[in-house]
N, C-alpha and C. Protein backbone atom coordinates (compact mmCIF):
# COMPACT_ATOMS: atom_id res chain seq x y z
N MET A 1 108.15 96.04 83.77
CA MET A 1 108.27 95.51 85.12
C MET A 1 107.13 96.05 85.99
N SER A 2 106.53 95.20 86.74
CA SER A 2 105.38 95.56 87.56
C SER A 2 105.79 96.37 88.79
N LYS A 3 104.89 97.26 89.21
CA LYS A 3 105.13 98.05 90.41
C LYS A 3 105.14 97.18 91.66
N ASP A 4 104.42 96.07 91.62
CA ASP A 4 104.22 95.24 92.79
C ASP A 4 105.32 94.20 93.01
N THR A 5 106.40 94.25 92.24
CA THR A 5 107.42 93.22 92.35
C THR A 5 108.05 93.18 93.73
N GLY A 6 108.45 94.33 94.26
CA GLY A 6 109.14 94.37 95.54
C GLY A 6 108.23 94.29 96.74
N PHE A 7 107.03 94.75 96.60
CA PHE A 7 106.12 94.81 97.75
C PHE A 7 104.72 94.49 97.27
N SER A 8 104.28 93.29 97.49
CA SER A 8 103.01 92.84 96.96
C SER A 8 101.83 93.32 97.81
N ILE A 9 100.67 93.13 97.26
CA ILE A 9 99.44 93.46 97.98
C ILE A 9 99.35 92.59 99.24
N THR A 10 99.81 91.35 99.14
CA THR A 10 99.81 90.45 100.28
C THR A 10 100.68 90.99 101.41
N SER A 11 101.82 91.56 101.06
CA SER A 11 102.70 92.15 102.08
C SER A 11 102.01 93.31 102.77
N ALA A 12 101.33 94.15 102.01
CA ALA A 12 100.60 95.28 102.60
C ALA A 12 99.54 94.77 103.55
N GLU A 13 98.85 93.71 103.15
CA GLU A 13 97.81 93.15 104.00
C GLU A 13 98.39 92.57 105.29
N ARG A 14 99.59 92.02 105.22
CA ARG A 14 100.22 91.48 106.43
C ARG A 14 100.52 92.60 107.42
N TYR A 15 101.07 93.71 106.91
CA TYR A 15 101.35 94.85 107.79
C TYR A 15 100.06 95.41 108.37
N SER A 16 99.04 95.55 107.52
CA SER A 16 97.78 96.11 108.00
C SER A 16 97.09 95.18 108.99
N LEU A 17 97.20 93.87 108.77
CA LEU A 17 96.62 92.92 109.71
C LEU A 17 97.36 92.96 111.05
N ALA A 18 98.67 93.13 111.00
CA ALA A 18 99.45 93.26 112.23
C ALA A 18 99.01 94.51 113.00
N LEU A 19 98.82 95.61 112.28
CA LEU A 19 98.35 96.85 112.93
C LEU A 19 96.96 96.63 113.52
N PHE A 20 96.09 95.94 112.78
CA PHE A 20 94.74 95.67 113.27
C PHE A 20 94.79 94.86 114.56
N GLU A 21 95.59 93.81 114.57
CA GLU A 21 95.67 92.96 115.76
C GLU A 21 96.23 93.70 116.97
N LEU A 22 97.25 94.54 116.73
CA LEU A 22 97.81 95.34 117.83
C LEU A 22 96.78 96.34 118.36
N ALA A 23 96.07 97.00 117.44
CA ALA A 23 95.07 97.99 117.84
C ALA A 23 93.92 97.33 118.60
N GLU A 24 93.50 96.17 118.11
CA GLU A 24 92.40 95.45 118.77
C GLU A 24 92.82 94.97 120.16
N GLU A 25 94.04 94.45 120.26
CA GLU A 25 94.58 93.97 121.52
C GLU A 25 94.66 95.08 122.57
N ASN A 26 94.95 96.30 122.12
CA ASN A 26 95.10 97.44 123.03
C ASN A 26 93.84 98.30 123.12
N ASN A 27 92.72 97.80 122.57
CA ASN A 27 91.43 98.52 122.57
C ASN A 27 91.56 99.93 121.99
N LEU A 28 92.30 100.06 120.89
CA LEU A 28 92.51 101.35 120.24
C LEU A 28 92.05 101.34 118.79
N LEU A 29 91.19 100.41 118.44
CA LEU A 29 90.81 100.22 117.05
C LEU A 29 90.22 101.47 116.40
N SER A 30 89.24 102.09 117.04
CA SER A 30 88.61 103.26 116.42
C SER A 30 89.57 104.44 116.33
N GLN A 31 90.41 104.63 117.36
CA GLN A 31 91.37 105.73 117.33
C GLN A 31 92.40 105.53 116.21
N ILE A 32 92.92 104.30 116.08
CA ILE A 32 93.92 104.01 115.05
C ILE A 32 93.29 104.14 113.66
N GLU A 33 92.04 103.74 113.53
CA GLU A 33 91.35 103.89 112.24
C GLU A 33 91.20 105.37 111.89
N ASP A 34 90.86 106.19 112.88
CA ASP A 34 90.77 107.64 112.66
C ASP A 34 92.13 108.22 112.27
N HIS A 35 93.18 107.78 112.98
CA HIS A 35 94.54 108.25 112.66
C HIS A 35 94.93 107.85 111.24
N SER A 36 94.58 106.63 110.86
CA SER A 36 94.89 106.15 109.51
C SER A 36 94.19 107.01 108.46
N SER A 37 92.93 107.33 108.72
CA SER A 37 92.19 108.19 107.79
C SER A 37 92.82 109.57 107.70
N SER A 38 93.31 110.07 108.83
CA SER A 38 93.97 111.38 108.84
C SER A 38 95.23 111.37 107.99
N VAL A 39 96.03 110.32 108.11
CA VAL A 39 97.26 110.23 107.31
C VAL A 39 96.92 110.11 105.82
N LEU A 40 95.89 109.31 105.50
CA LEU A 40 95.48 109.18 104.10
C LEU A 40 94.98 110.51 103.54
N SER A 41 94.23 111.25 104.35
CA SER A 41 93.76 112.57 103.92
C SER A 41 94.93 113.50 103.68
N LEU A 42 95.89 113.46 104.57
CA LEU A 42 97.09 114.29 104.43
C LEU A 42 97.84 113.94 103.15
N LEU A 43 97.92 112.65 102.86
CA LEU A 43 98.59 112.22 101.63
C LEU A 43 97.87 112.77 100.39
N ASN A 44 96.54 112.77 100.43
CA ASN A 44 95.76 113.25 99.28
C ASN A 44 95.78 114.77 99.16
N GLN A 45 95.87 115.47 100.28
CA GLN A 45 95.78 116.92 100.27
C GLN A 45 97.12 117.62 100.15
N SER A 46 98.17 117.02 100.66
CA SER A 46 99.47 117.68 100.68
C SER A 46 100.42 117.06 99.65
N GLU A 47 100.70 117.81 98.62
CA GLU A 47 101.62 117.34 97.60
C GLU A 47 103.04 117.20 98.18
N ASP A 48 103.39 118.11 99.09
CA ASP A 48 104.73 118.06 99.70
C ASP A 48 104.92 116.77 100.50
N PHE A 49 103.92 116.41 101.30
CA PHE A 49 104.00 115.20 102.10
C PHE A 49 104.07 113.96 101.21
N SER A 50 103.22 113.95 100.20
CA SER A 50 103.21 112.83 99.26
C SER A 50 104.55 112.69 98.55
N SER A 51 105.12 113.81 98.14
CA SER A 51 106.43 113.79 97.46
C SER A 51 107.52 113.31 98.40
N LEU A 52 107.45 113.74 99.64
CA LEU A 52 108.44 113.35 100.64
C LEU A 52 108.45 111.83 100.80
N ILE A 53 107.28 111.23 100.85
CA ILE A 53 107.16 109.78 101.02
C ILE A 53 107.65 109.04 99.78
N LYS A 54 107.29 109.55 98.62
CA LYS A 54 107.60 108.85 97.38
C LYS A 54 109.02 109.08 96.87
N ASN A 55 109.73 110.02 97.51
CA ASN A 55 111.10 110.31 97.09
C ASN A 55 112.04 109.27 97.71
N PRO A 56 112.69 108.45 96.87
CA PRO A 56 113.56 107.40 97.40
C PRO A 56 114.83 107.94 98.09
N THR A 57 115.16 109.21 97.87
CA THR A 57 116.36 109.77 98.49
C THR A 57 116.09 110.39 99.86
N THR A 58 114.82 110.37 100.29
CA THR A 58 114.48 110.93 101.60
C THR A 58 115.19 110.15 102.70
N ASN A 59 115.87 110.88 103.55
CA ASN A 59 116.60 110.32 104.67
C ASN A 59 115.60 109.77 105.69
N GLN A 60 115.87 108.58 106.23
CA GLN A 60 114.99 107.97 107.22
C GLN A 60 114.81 108.85 108.45
N GLU A 61 115.89 109.48 108.87
CA GLU A 61 115.85 110.34 110.05
C GLU A 61 114.91 111.53 109.82
N ASP A 62 115.02 112.15 108.64
CA ASP A 62 114.16 113.29 108.31
C ASP A 62 112.70 112.87 108.25
N LEU A 63 112.45 111.73 107.63
CA LEU A 63 111.08 111.22 107.51
C LEU A 63 110.51 110.92 108.89
N SER A 64 111.33 110.35 109.74
CA SER A 64 110.90 110.03 111.10
C SER A 64 110.56 111.31 111.88
N LYS A 65 111.37 112.36 111.70
CA LYS A 65 111.09 113.65 112.36
C LYS A 65 109.76 114.22 111.90
N VAL A 66 109.51 114.14 110.59
CA VAL A 66 108.25 114.65 110.04
C VAL A 66 107.06 113.87 110.61
N ILE A 67 107.18 112.56 110.62
CA ILE A 67 106.09 111.71 111.14
C ILE A 67 105.85 111.96 112.62
N ASN A 68 106.93 112.10 113.39
CA ASN A 68 106.78 112.38 114.83
C ASN A 68 106.11 113.72 115.06
N LYS A 69 106.43 114.71 114.23
CA LYS A 69 105.80 116.04 114.36
C LYS A 69 104.31 115.96 114.00
N ILE A 70 103.99 115.23 112.94
CA ILE A 70 102.59 115.04 112.54
C ILE A 70 101.85 114.31 113.66
N ALA A 71 102.48 113.27 114.21
CA ALA A 71 101.86 112.49 115.29
C ALA A 71 101.61 113.36 116.52
N GLU A 72 102.56 114.23 116.81
CA GLU A 72 102.42 115.13 117.96
C GLU A 72 101.29 116.14 117.73
N ASN A 73 101.26 116.74 116.54
CA ASN A 73 100.23 117.74 116.23
C ASN A 73 98.82 117.15 116.19
N ASN A 74 98.72 115.89 115.76
CA ASN A 74 97.41 115.24 115.65
C ASN A 74 97.08 114.36 116.84
N LYS A 75 97.96 114.36 117.85
CA LYS A 75 97.76 113.57 119.06
C LYS A 75 97.51 112.09 118.74
N PHE A 76 98.38 111.52 117.88
CA PHE A 76 98.29 110.11 117.54
C PHE A 76 98.65 109.26 118.75
N GLU A 77 98.00 108.10 118.84
CA GLU A 77 98.34 107.13 119.86
C GLU A 77 99.79 106.69 119.63
N SER A 78 100.50 106.40 120.70
CA SER A 78 101.91 106.00 120.57
C SER A 78 102.04 104.72 119.75
N LEU A 79 101.06 103.82 119.84
CA LEU A 79 101.08 102.58 119.06
C LEU A 79 101.14 102.90 117.56
N PHE A 80 100.31 103.85 117.13
CA PHE A 80 100.26 104.21 115.71
C PHE A 80 101.55 104.91 115.29
N LYS A 81 102.02 105.81 116.12
CA LYS A 81 103.27 106.53 115.82
C LYS A 81 104.42 105.53 115.72
N ASN A 82 104.47 104.59 116.63
CA ASN A 82 105.52 103.56 116.60
C ASN A 82 105.41 102.69 115.36
N PHE A 83 104.18 102.39 114.96
CA PHE A 83 103.98 101.59 113.74
C PHE A 83 104.51 102.33 112.51
N LEU A 84 104.20 103.63 112.42
CA LEU A 84 104.69 104.41 111.28
C LEU A 84 106.21 104.48 111.29
N ASN A 85 106.80 104.65 112.46
CA ASN A 85 108.26 104.67 112.56
C ASN A 85 108.87 103.31 112.23
N PHE A 86 108.16 102.25 112.58
CA PHE A 86 108.61 100.90 112.22
C PHE A 86 108.64 100.74 110.69
N LEU A 87 107.61 101.27 110.02
CA LEU A 87 107.58 101.22 108.55
C LEU A 87 108.77 101.99 107.96
N ILE A 88 109.10 103.11 108.57
CA ILE A 88 110.25 103.90 108.12
C ILE A 88 111.53 103.10 108.30
N LEU A 89 111.67 102.51 109.47
CA LEU A 89 112.86 101.73 109.80
C LEU A 89 113.05 100.55 108.84
N LYS A 90 111.94 99.90 108.48
CA LYS A 90 111.98 98.74 107.58
C LYS A 90 111.95 99.15 106.10
N ARG A 91 112.02 100.44 105.85
CA ARG A 91 111.98 101.00 104.49
C ARG A 91 110.71 100.58 103.74
N ARG A 92 109.61 100.61 104.45
CA ARG A 92 108.31 100.27 103.88
C ARG A 92 107.35 101.46 103.89
N PHE A 93 107.83 102.61 104.31
CA PHE A 93 106.93 103.77 104.43
C PHE A 93 106.42 104.23 103.07
N PHE A 94 107.16 103.90 102.04
CA PHE A 94 106.74 104.22 100.67
C PHE A 94 105.36 103.63 100.39
N PHE A 95 105.02 102.53 101.08
CA PHE A 95 103.76 101.81 100.85
C PHE A 95 102.72 102.11 101.92
N VAL A 96 102.92 103.18 102.68
CA VAL A 96 102.02 103.48 103.79
C VAL A 96 100.57 103.67 103.33
N GLU A 97 100.38 104.26 102.17
CA GLU A 97 99.01 104.48 101.68
C GLU A 97 98.31 103.14 101.47
N ARG A 98 98.96 102.21 100.81
CA ARG A 98 98.39 100.89 100.55
C ARG A 98 98.12 100.16 101.88
N ILE A 99 99.05 100.25 102.80
CA ILE A 99 98.92 99.57 104.09
C ILE A 99 97.74 100.13 104.89
N LEU A 100 97.63 101.46 104.96
CA LEU A 100 96.56 102.07 105.75
C LEU A 100 95.19 101.85 105.12
N LYS A 101 95.11 101.88 103.79
CA LYS A 101 93.83 101.59 103.12
C LYS A 101 93.41 100.16 103.42
N SER A 102 94.36 99.24 103.38
CA SER A 102 94.07 97.85 103.69
C SER A 102 93.61 97.70 105.14
N PHE A 103 94.26 98.44 106.06
CA PHE A 103 93.87 98.41 107.47
C PHE A 103 92.42 98.87 107.65
N ILE A 104 92.06 99.96 106.99
CA ILE A 104 90.69 100.49 107.11
C ILE A 104 89.69 99.49 106.53
N GLU A 105 90.05 98.81 105.44
CA GLU A 105 89.16 97.79 104.87
C GLU A 105 88.99 96.62 105.84
N ILE A 106 90.06 96.21 106.51
CA ILE A 106 89.97 95.12 107.49
C ILE A 106 89.02 95.52 108.62
N CYS A 107 89.17 96.74 109.12
CA CYS A 107 88.28 97.24 110.18
C CYS A 107 86.83 97.20 109.73
N SER A 108 86.59 97.64 108.52
CA SER A 108 85.25 97.68 107.96
C SER A 108 84.67 96.26 107.84
N ARG A 109 85.47 95.33 107.33
CA ARG A 109 85.01 93.94 107.19
C ARG A 109 84.70 93.32 108.55
N LYS A 110 85.54 93.60 109.54
CA LYS A 110 85.34 93.03 110.88
C LYS A 110 84.06 93.56 111.52
N ARG A 111 83.64 94.77 111.14
CA ARG A 111 82.39 95.34 111.65
C ARG A 111 81.19 94.82 110.86
N GLY A 112 81.45 94.05 109.81
CA GLY A 112 80.37 93.50 108.99
C GLY A 112 79.83 94.49 107.98
N GLU A 113 80.61 95.48 107.63
CA GLU A 113 80.16 96.49 106.66
C GLU A 113 80.45 96.03 105.24
N LEU A 114 79.55 96.39 104.36
CA LEU A 114 79.77 96.20 102.93
C LEU A 114 80.24 97.52 102.35
N LYS A 115 81.16 97.44 101.43
CA LYS A 115 81.67 98.64 100.78
C LYS A 115 80.81 98.93 99.55
N ALA A 116 80.37 100.17 99.44
CA ALA A 116 79.53 100.56 98.30
C ALA A 116 80.06 101.85 97.67
N GLU A 117 79.93 101.92 96.37
CA GLU A 117 80.33 103.11 95.61
C GLU A 117 79.06 103.75 95.05
N LEU A 118 78.97 105.05 95.15
CA LEU A 118 77.84 105.79 94.61
C LEU A 118 78.37 106.96 93.81
N MET A 119 77.94 107.05 92.56
CA MET A 119 78.27 108.20 91.71
C MET A 119 76.97 108.80 91.21
N SER A 120 76.91 110.11 91.21
CA SER A 120 75.71 110.78 90.73
C SER A 120 76.09 111.93 89.82
N ALA A 121 75.17 112.24 88.90
CA ALA A 121 75.40 113.33 87.97
C ALA A 121 75.24 114.68 88.64
N LYS A 122 74.31 114.76 89.58
CA LYS A 122 74.13 116.01 90.32
C LYS A 122 74.68 115.86 91.72
N GLU A 123 75.07 116.97 92.30
CA GLU A 123 75.60 116.98 93.67
C GLU A 123 74.48 116.59 94.63
N LEU A 124 74.71 115.54 95.43
CA LEU A 124 73.70 115.09 96.39
C LEU A 124 73.94 115.75 97.74
N THR A 125 72.84 116.00 98.45
CA THR A 125 72.94 116.55 99.80
C THR A 125 73.27 115.41 100.77
N ASN A 126 73.68 115.77 101.96
CA ASN A 126 73.97 114.76 102.99
C ASN A 126 72.73 113.94 103.33
N ASP A 127 71.55 114.59 103.33
CA ASP A 127 70.30 113.88 103.60
C ASP A 127 70.03 112.82 102.53
N GLU A 128 70.25 113.18 101.26
CA GLU A 128 70.02 112.24 100.17
C GLU A 128 70.99 111.05 100.26
N ILE A 129 72.24 111.34 100.58
CA ILE A 129 73.24 110.28 100.72
C ILE A 129 72.87 109.36 101.88
N THR A 130 72.41 109.95 102.99
CA THR A 130 71.99 109.17 104.15
C THR A 130 70.81 108.27 103.80
N LYS A 131 69.82 108.81 103.06
CA LYS A 131 68.65 108.01 102.66
C LYS A 131 69.05 106.85 101.76
N ILE A 132 69.97 107.10 100.83
CA ILE A 132 70.45 106.04 99.94
C ILE A 132 71.18 104.97 100.75
N THR A 133 72.01 105.41 101.68
CA THR A 133 72.74 104.47 102.54
C THR A 133 71.78 103.61 103.35
N GLU A 134 70.75 104.24 103.92
CA GLU A 134 69.76 103.50 104.71
C GLU A 134 69.01 102.48 103.85
N GLU A 135 68.66 102.89 102.63
CA GLU A 135 67.94 102.00 101.71
C GLU A 135 68.82 100.80 101.32
N LEU A 136 70.10 101.07 101.05
CA LEU A 136 71.03 99.98 100.71
C LEU A 136 71.22 99.05 101.91
N THR A 137 71.31 99.62 103.10
CA THR A 137 71.46 98.82 104.33
C THR A 137 70.27 97.88 104.48
N LYS A 138 69.07 98.41 104.22
CA LYS A 138 67.85 97.61 104.32
C LYS A 138 67.84 96.50 103.26
N ASN A 139 68.19 96.85 102.01
CA ASN A 139 68.15 95.89 100.91
C ASN A 139 69.20 94.79 101.02
N PHE A 140 70.37 95.13 101.54
CA PHE A 140 71.46 94.15 101.61
C PHE A 140 71.59 93.52 103.00
N SER A 141 70.74 93.92 103.93
CA SER A 141 70.74 93.39 105.30
C SER A 141 72.13 93.41 105.92
N SER A 142 72.83 94.50 105.70
CA SER A 142 74.18 94.65 106.24
C SER A 142 74.50 96.13 106.29
N LYS A 143 75.40 96.50 107.21
CA LYS A 143 75.83 97.89 107.27
C LYS A 143 76.56 98.24 105.99
N ILE A 144 76.33 99.42 105.49
CA ILE A 144 76.95 99.86 104.24
C ILE A 144 77.91 101.01 104.53
N LYS A 145 79.11 100.90 104.01
CA LYS A 145 80.07 102.00 104.07
C LYS A 145 80.10 102.59 102.66
N LEU A 146 79.51 103.76 102.53
CA LEU A 146 79.30 104.36 101.21
C LEU A 146 80.40 105.35 100.86
N ASN A 147 80.94 105.20 99.67
CA ASN A 147 81.92 106.13 99.13
C ASN A 147 81.22 106.89 98.01
N TYR A 148 81.00 108.19 98.20
CA TYR A 148 80.23 108.99 97.25
C TYR A 148 81.14 109.86 96.39
N LYS A 149 80.83 109.90 95.09
CA LYS A 149 81.55 110.78 94.16
C LYS A 149 80.55 111.47 93.25
N HIS A 150 80.80 112.72 92.99
CA HIS A 150 80.00 113.49 92.05
C HIS A 150 80.68 113.43 90.70
N ASP A 151 79.96 113.00 89.66
CA ASP A 151 80.55 112.84 88.33
C ASP A 151 79.61 113.44 87.28
N LYS A 152 79.95 114.64 86.82
CA LYS A 152 79.12 115.35 85.84
C LYS A 152 79.02 114.61 84.51
N SER A 153 80.01 113.78 84.20
CA SER A 153 80.02 113.08 82.91
C SER A 153 78.89 112.06 82.79
N LEU A 154 78.22 111.73 83.89
CA LEU A 154 77.11 110.79 83.84
C LEU A 154 75.87 111.41 83.19
N ILE A 155 75.84 112.72 83.07
CA ILE A 155 74.77 113.53 82.48
C ILE A 155 73.53 113.53 83.37
N GLY A 156 73.09 112.40 83.83
CA GLY A 156 71.94 112.28 84.72
C GLY A 156 71.91 110.89 85.31
N GLY A 157 71.24 110.73 86.44
CA GLY A 157 71.09 109.41 87.05
C GLY A 157 72.16 109.08 88.07
N LEU A 158 72.17 107.79 88.46
CA LEU A 158 73.08 107.29 89.50
C LEU A 158 73.76 106.01 89.04
N VAL A 159 74.92 105.76 89.63
CA VAL A 159 75.58 104.46 89.50
C VAL A 159 75.88 104.01 90.92
N VAL A 160 75.35 102.83 91.28
CA VAL A 160 75.56 102.27 92.62
C VAL A 160 76.20 100.90 92.46
N GLN A 161 77.28 100.67 93.21
CA GLN A 161 77.91 99.35 93.20
C GLN A 161 78.12 98.91 94.63
N VAL A 162 77.54 97.75 94.97
CA VAL A 162 77.72 97.15 96.28
C VAL A 162 78.29 95.76 96.02
N GLY A 163 79.55 95.59 96.41
CA GLY A 163 80.22 94.32 96.13
C GLY A 163 80.29 94.11 94.63
N SER A 164 79.78 92.98 94.15
CA SER A 164 79.81 92.71 92.72
C SER A 164 78.52 93.12 92.02
N THR A 165 77.56 93.65 92.77
CA THR A 165 76.28 94.09 92.21
C THR A 165 76.36 95.55 91.80
N MET A 166 76.04 95.83 90.53
CA MET A 166 76.08 97.21 90.05
C MET A 166 74.75 97.58 89.40
N VAL A 167 74.26 98.76 89.74
CA VAL A 167 73.06 99.30 89.13
C VAL A 167 73.46 100.63 88.50
N ASP A 168 73.33 100.72 87.19
CA ASP A 168 73.73 101.92 86.46
C ASP A 168 72.51 102.51 85.77
N THR A 169 71.96 103.60 86.32
CA THR A 169 70.80 104.27 85.74
C THR A 169 71.19 105.59 85.08
N SER A 170 72.48 105.73 84.79
CA SER A 170 72.95 107.00 84.24
C SER A 170 72.55 107.15 82.77
N ILE A 171 72.36 108.38 82.37
CA ILE A 171 72.05 108.68 80.98
C ILE A 171 73.24 108.34 80.09
N LYS A 172 74.43 108.55 80.60
CA LYS A 172 75.64 108.20 79.86
C LYS A 172 75.62 106.72 79.48
N ASN A 173 75.24 105.85 80.41
CA ASN A 173 75.18 104.42 80.16
C ASN A 173 74.10 104.10 79.12
N LYS A 174 72.96 104.75 79.23
CA LYS A 174 71.87 104.50 78.28
C LYS A 174 72.26 104.93 76.88
N LEU A 175 72.94 106.08 76.77
CA LEU A 175 73.42 106.53 75.47
C LEU A 175 74.46 105.56 74.90
N GLN A 176 75.31 105.02 75.76
CA GLN A 176 76.31 104.04 75.33
C GLN A 176 75.64 102.78 74.80
N GLN A 177 74.56 102.34 75.48
CA GLN A 177 73.83 101.15 75.03
C GLN A 177 73.19 101.39 73.67
N ILE A 178 72.60 102.58 73.48
CA ILE A 178 71.99 102.92 72.19
C ILE A 178 73.05 102.94 71.10
N GLU A 179 74.20 103.55 71.40
CA GLU A 179 75.30 103.60 70.43
C GLU A 179 75.75 102.19 70.05
N ASN A 180 75.88 101.30 71.03
CA ASN A 180 76.30 99.93 70.77
C ASN A 180 75.30 99.20 69.89
N ARG A 181 73.98 99.41 70.13
CA ARG A 181 72.94 98.79 69.31
C ARG A 181 73.00 99.30 67.88
N MET A 182 73.27 100.60 67.72
CA MET A 182 73.34 101.19 66.37
C MET A 182 74.55 100.64 65.61
N ILE A 183 75.65 100.43 66.31
CA ILE A 183 76.85 99.89 65.68
C ILE A 183 76.63 98.44 65.25
N GLU A 184 75.93 97.66 66.09
CA GLU A 184 75.66 96.26 65.80
C GLU A 184 74.68 96.09 64.65
N ALA A 185 73.78 97.05 64.45
CA ALA A 185 72.71 96.93 63.43
C ALA A 185 73.23 97.06 62.03
């Protein structure tokens, strides 16, 4: 049975689009986007918070108290706090990660940004990442939102993906190509 049976990607997009429209209407788009990133970071960093959300036995009242406390500590806009509480009330908070990621993607698309992935074998400095981002922006004639990951398994080189375009200059890829040619021969 698929995980998406009860709550599809389309449903998540509807919630995130509703949040986007509310935030845009109230001129709070950048603040709500920052708040969304904060909640996503908290989900990734705090195992306790993540477990609390994913536990189906969590009481709605308890979850609401936790969210209100987080909202208070992080000075969330009331619109965002109310949205999170609405998700709790509708028993959709389990999908908050999917909804907020979708919201951030909508914001990015509306700004005309292209999403790009960058992986490198060696740790890149912020200056190097900035130069790569600027070069990609120039080549694709669009703002680039770069997601950078350090991956030692590449051995050397870079892997860049912008939309459906991928450039893989990693040594790992070259070794894989050589191996494939040897197998075919």
